[in-house]
Amino acid sequence: MDTLYIVMPAYNEEQNIEYVIKQWYPMLSYGSKDSRLVVADSGSKDRTREILYALRKDYPKIEILDTEYKEHGPKLLSLYKYACDRGANFVFQTDSDGQTDPSDFPGFWNLRNYHDAVIGNRRGRGDGKMRSFVEGVVCLLLFLFFGVRIPDANAPFRLMKTSLLSKYTDRLPEDYYLTNVMLTAFFAFYHENITFRKIRFTERLQGENKVDMVSITKIGLSSLYHFFKFRVEMNATDRPES
């Protein structure tokens, strides 16, 4: 059987983390006995870490990853490298805020032998029209910088072969914020065998989004510099023919 690592970053999610873990833990049964659910929790100032350690008594395949960063993107990168280093065959990423639905997972898993990555395409955004607009702007920028057409670049619902991930994780700075966005751009630019599949995406279970519109604007402005830098590094002669 394939070894599956389900990974999720967490930050101050004491209101949601227990429910989300109990939702996703059964999905490990699709993988081998060595499959794990790994949560990167660094910097939380609430009871998130305490709850995770308590859950390990009944859910022994939970692993808690410490990173030096509290931001979402760097945590993702650490999680991906962690799964690759420990011999996982597949990595599935979602978030710890309860916006995704585990019932969408089997359809992704069933496609694992046909595609190297299956990426979620959010059909409607429970977190509001503004965030949907921001995602549209991101996809437009990826087209302008890299010439790729992507329906959803940053969906926190993606199943990826570690053999694919390991080709690109070292190309990202450890503190890079838009990890999923840039990985999706790499996959599309280099014509990797990926596909997009519609998913449900609801509002957060409880609590508020940690990133407000001011932060999103700042991230967006800094991303322009990074997109330009990545585009210069992505030698067009290395790109496979369409």
Protein backbone atom coordinates (compact mmCIF):
# COMPACT_ATOMS: atom_id res chain seq x y z
CA MET A 1 0.00 0.00 0.00
CA ASP A 2 1.05 3.59 -0.55
CA THR A 3 2.18 5.56 2.49
CA LEU A 4 0.12 8.71 2.92
CA TYR A 5 1.08 11.75 4.97
CA ILE A 6 -1.79 14.13 5.66
CA VAL A 7 -0.23 17.46 6.61
CA MET A 8 -1.69 20.68 7.93
CA PRO A 9 -0.29 23.90 9.39
CA ALA A 10 -1.88 25.29 12.54
CA TYR A 11 -1.75 28.59 14.37
CA ASN A 12 -4.03 29.46 17.27
CA GLU A 13 -6.68 26.92 16.27
CA GLU A 14 -7.78 25.73 19.71
CA GLN A 15 -11.42 26.18 18.72
CA ASN A 16 -11.13 23.97 15.63
CA ILE A 17 -8.18 21.63 15.90
CA GLU A 18 -9.83 18.73 17.75
CA TYR A 19 -12.78 18.61 15.39
CA VAL A 20 -10.55 18.85 12.31
CA ILE A 21 -8.20 16.08 13.50
CA LYS A 22 -11.13 13.77 14.23
CA GLN A 23 -12.52 14.53 10.77
CA TRP A 24 -9.31 13.79 8.88
CA TYR A 25 -7.70 11.02 10.91
CA PRO A 26 -9.88 8.26 9.37
CA MET A 27 -8.54 9.18 5.92
CA LEU A 28 -5.21 7.62 6.94
CA SER A 29 -6.87 4.23 6.44
CA TYR A 30 -6.51 4.75 2.69
CA GLY A 31 -2.74 4.47 3.08
CA SER A 32 -0.35 1.97 4.60
CA LYS A 33 0.18 1.37 8.32
CA ASP A 34 3.07 3.84 8.15
CA SER A 35 0.78 6.70 7.15
CA ARG A 36 0.73 9.72 9.45
CA LEU A 37 -1.18 12.93 10.15
CA VAL A 38 1.36 15.70 10.74
CA VAL A 39 0.50 19.11 12.17
CA ALA A 40 3.00 21.97 12.11
CA ASP A 41 2.20 24.09 15.14
CA SER A 42 4.72 26.78 15.98
CA GLY A 43 3.98 30.10 17.59
CA SER A 44 0.46 29.34 18.80
CA LYS A 45 -0.39 31.34 21.91
CA ASP A 46 -3.52 29.40 22.79
CA ARG A 47 -4.14 25.72 23.69
CA THR A 48 -3.58 24.31 20.19
CA ARG A 49 -0.39 22.44 21.16
CA GLU A 50 -1.89 21.14 24.41
CA ILE A 51 -4.92 19.78 22.57
CA LEU A 52 -2.76 18.08 19.94
CA TYR A 53 -0.69 16.25 22.55
CA ALA A 54 -3.85 15.15 24.34
CA LEU A 55 -5.29 13.80 21.09
CA ARG A 56 -2.22 11.61 20.52
CA LYS A 57 -3.43 9.28 23.29
CA ASP A 58 -6.35 8.15 21.11
CA TYR A 59 -4.84 8.99 17.72
CA PRO A 60 -1.28 7.61 17.81
CA LYS A 61 -0.48 8.42 14.19
CA ILE A 62 -0.53 12.15 14.91
CA GLU A 63 2.89 13.81 14.71
CA ILE A 64 3.59 17.39 15.74
CA LEU A 65 6.22 19.28 13.78
CA ASP A 66 8.09 22.24 15.20
CA THR A 67 9.32 24.89 12.78
CA GLU A 68 11.05 28.19 13.33
CA TYR A 69 8.26 29.96 11.47
CA LYS A 70 4.68 30.64 12.48
CA GLU A 71 3.55 31.72 9.00
CA HIS A 72 1.44 29.44 6.82
CA GLY A 73 3.72 29.18 3.77
CA PRO A 74 6.96 28.29 5.55
CA LYS A 75 5.10 25.72 7.64
CA LEU A 76 3.81 24.10 4.46
CA LEU A 77 7.29 23.88 3.02
CA SER A 78 8.59 22.27 6.22
CA LEU A 79 5.72 19.77 6.19
CA TYR A 80 6.35 18.81 2.57
CA LYS A 81 10.05 18.26 3.16
CA TYR A 82 9.29 16.30 6.32
CA ALA A 83 7.00 13.91 4.45
CA CYS A 84 9.48 13.47 1.61
CA ASP A 85 12.35 12.79 4.01
CA ARG A 86 10.38 10.09 5.83
CA GLY A 87 9.55 8.03 2.80
CA ALA A 88 5.93 8.95 2.19
CA ASN A 89 4.62 8.11 -1.28
CA PHE A 90 1.90 10.75 -1.22
CA VAL A 91 1.32 13.99 0.65
CA PHE A 92 -2.14 15.41 1.13
CA GLN A 93 -2.36 18.96 2.41
CA THR A 94 -5.29 20.71 3.98
CA ASP A 95 -5.73 23.42 6.61
CA SER A 96 -6.70 23.19 10.27
CA ASP A 97 -9.62 25.63 10.20
CA GLY A 98 -12.30 23.20 9.03
CA GLN A 99 -13.09 24.81 5.68
CA THR A 100 -12.48 21.63 3.67
CA ASP A 101 -14.56 18.47 3.57
CA PRO A 102 -12.99 14.99 3.99
CA SER A 103 -15.75 13.49 1.87
CA ASP A 104 -13.99 15.02 -1.15
CA PHE A 105 -10.78 13.10 -0.39
CA PRO A 106 -11.62 9.62 -1.81
CA GLY A 107 -12.12 11.07 -5.28
CA PHE A 108 -8.62 12.53 -5.13
CA TRP A 109 -7.10 9.31 -3.82
CA ASN A 110 -8.69 7.33 -6.64
CA LEU A 111 -6.81 9.50 -9.15
CA ARG A 112 -3.39 9.05 -7.56
CA ASN A 113 -2.15 6.55 -10.14
CA TYR A 114 -3.23 8.73 -13.05
CA HIS A 115 -1.80 12.10 -12.01
CA ASP A 116 1.24 13.22 -10.04
CA ALA A 117 -0.82 15.91 -8.33
CA VAL A 118 -4.56 16.41 -7.88
CA ILE A 119 -5.31 19.97 -6.77
CA GLY A 120 -8.57 21.33 -5.40
CA ASN A 121 -10.62 23.86 -7.34
CA ARG A 122 -12.92 25.69 -4.93
CA ARG A 123 -16.43 25.94 -6.34
CA GLY A 124 -17.52 28.92 -4.33
CA ARG A 125 -15.76 30.44 -1.33
CA GLY A 126 -17.34 30.28 2.08
CA ASP A 127 -14.81 32.84 3.31
CA GLY A 128 -16.20 35.65 1.19
CA LYS A 129 -16.12 37.31 -2.21
CA MET A 130 -13.02 39.38 -1.41
CA ARG A 131 -10.83 36.31 -0.94
CA SER A 132 -12.26 34.84 -4.13
CA PHE A 133 -11.28 38.09 -5.88
CA VAL A 134 -7.74 37.86 -4.46
CA GLU A 135 -7.42 34.31 -5.76
CA GLY A 136 -8.50 35.51 -9.19
CA VAL A 137 -5.82 38.21 -9.12
CA VAL A 138 -3.19 35.61 -8.16
CA CYS A 139 -4.18 33.38 -11.08
CA LEU A 140 -4.03 36.37 -13.43
CA LEU A 141 -0.52 37.23 -12.20
CA LEU A 142 0.60 33.64 -12.74
CA PHE A 143 -0.62 33.87 -16.30
CA LEU A 144 1.14 37.19 -16.89
CA PHE A 145 4.44 36.08 -15.34
CA PHE A 146 4.57 32.41 -16.29
CA GLY A 147 2.05 31.97 -19.10
CA VAL A 148 0.07 29.30 -17.20
CA ARG A 149 -3.69 29.07 -16.87
CA ILE A 150 -4.65 27.79 -13.42
CA PRO A 151 -8.20 27.73 -12.02
CA ASP A 152 -7.15 27.75 -8.35
CA ALA A 153 -3.52 28.23 -7.35
CA ASN A 154 -3.72 28.25 -3.57
CA ALA A 155 -6.38 25.71 -2.62
CA PRO A 156 -5.53 23.98 0.69
CA PHE A 157 -6.66 20.64 -0.66
CA ARG A 158 -4.05 18.83 -2.75
CA LEU A 159 -2.74 15.30 -3.13
CA MET A 160 0.82 15.13 -4.48
CA LYS A 161 3.38 12.45 -5.11
CA THR A 162 6.53 13.07 -3.10
CA SER A 163 8.53 12.30 -6.24
CA LEU A 164 6.98 15.43 -7.76
CA LEU A 165 7.27 17.59 -4.65
CA SER A 166 10.94 16.81 -4.15
CA LYS A 167 11.72 18.28 -7.58
CA TYR A 168 10.61 21.75 -6.52
CA THR A 169 10.68 22.25 -2.74
CA ASP A 170 14.37 23.17 -2.72
CA ARG A 171 13.69 25.97 -5.20
CA LEU A 172 11.67 27.89 -2.62
CA PRO A 173 13.20 30.01 0.18
CA GLU A 174 12.48 28.53 3.61
CA ASP A 175 10.56 31.65 4.63
CA TYR A 176 8.53 31.90 1.41
CA TYR A 177 4.89 32.76 2.08
CA LEU A 178 3.08 31.63 -1.09
CA THR A 179 4.34 28.05 -1.09
CA ASN A 180 1.28 26.41 -2.63
CA VAL A 181 0.88 29.15 -5.23
CA MET A 182 4.43 28.82 -6.49
CA LEU A 183 4.42 25.03 -6.44
CA THR A 184 1.27 25.08 -8.57
CA ALA A 185 2.98 27.50 -10.95
CA PHE A 186 6.03 25.24 -11.20
CA PHE A 187 3.85 22.20 -11.92
CA ALA A 188 1.95 24.00 -14.67
CA PHE A 189 4.97 25.75 -16.20
CA TYR A 190 6.94 22.53 -16.53
CA HIS A 191 3.91 20.59 -17.81
CA GLU A 192 3.81 18.13 -14.96
CA ASN A 193 1.02 15.57 -14.96
CA ILE A 194 -1.49 17.40 -12.76
CA THR A 195 -5.23 17.88 -12.73
CA PHE A 196 -7.75 20.05 -10.87
CA ARG A 197 -10.86 18.69 -9.18
CA LYS A 198 -13.75 20.64 -7.71
CA ILE A 199 -14.09 20.70 -3.93
CA ARG A 200 -16.40 22.18 -1.32
CA PHE A 201 -14.99 25.10 0.64
CA THR A 202 -17.00 26.52 3.54
CA GLU A 203 -16.48 29.30 6.03
CA ARG A 204 -14.25 28.69 9.05
CA LEU A 205 -15.75 26.55 11.79
CA GLN A 206 -14.90 29.06 14.51
CA GLY A 207 -12.58 31.99 15.03
CA GLU A 208 -11.36 34.55 12.53
CA ASN A 209 -8.98 34.37 9.61
CA LYS A 210 -5.45 35.23 10.75
CA VAL A 211 -4.66 37.17 7.58
CA ASP A 212 -6.63 40.37 6.97
CA MET A 213 -6.84 42.37 3.74
CA VAL A 214 -3.99 44.68 4.75
CA SER A 215 -1.73 41.65 5.17
CA ILE A 216 -2.95 40.17 1.91
CA THR A 217 -2.09 43.42 0.11
CA LYS A 218 1.43 43.43 1.57
CA ILE A 219 1.92 39.79 0.60
CA GLY A 220 0.67 40.56 -2.89
CA LEU A 221 3.13 43.39 -3.39
CA SER A 222 6.07 41.30 -2.22
CA SER A 223 4.93 38.44 -4.45
CA LEU A 224 5.50 40.57 -7.54
CA TYR A 225 9.21 40.72 -6.75
CA HIS A 226 9.38 36.99 -6.07
CA PHE A 227 7.41 36.11 -9.22
CA PHE A 228 9.82 38.16 -11.29
CA LYS A 229 12.80 36.52 -9.58
CA PHE A 230 11.40 33.02 -10.10
CA ARG A 231 10.60 33.77 -13.73
CA VAL A 232 14.18 34.82 -14.39
CA GLU A 233 15.42 31.59 -12.80
CA MET A 234 13.04 29.40 -14.79
CA ASN A 235 15.08 28.99 -17.91
CA ALA A 236 12.64 28.67 -20.79
CA THR A 237 14.97 26.28 -22.60
CA ASP A 238 14.39 23.74 -19.81
CA ARG A 239 10.66 23.85 -20.35
CA PRO A 240 9.18 20.81 -22.10
CA GLU A 241 7.45 21.37 -25.41
CA SER A 242 3.68 21.77 -25.20
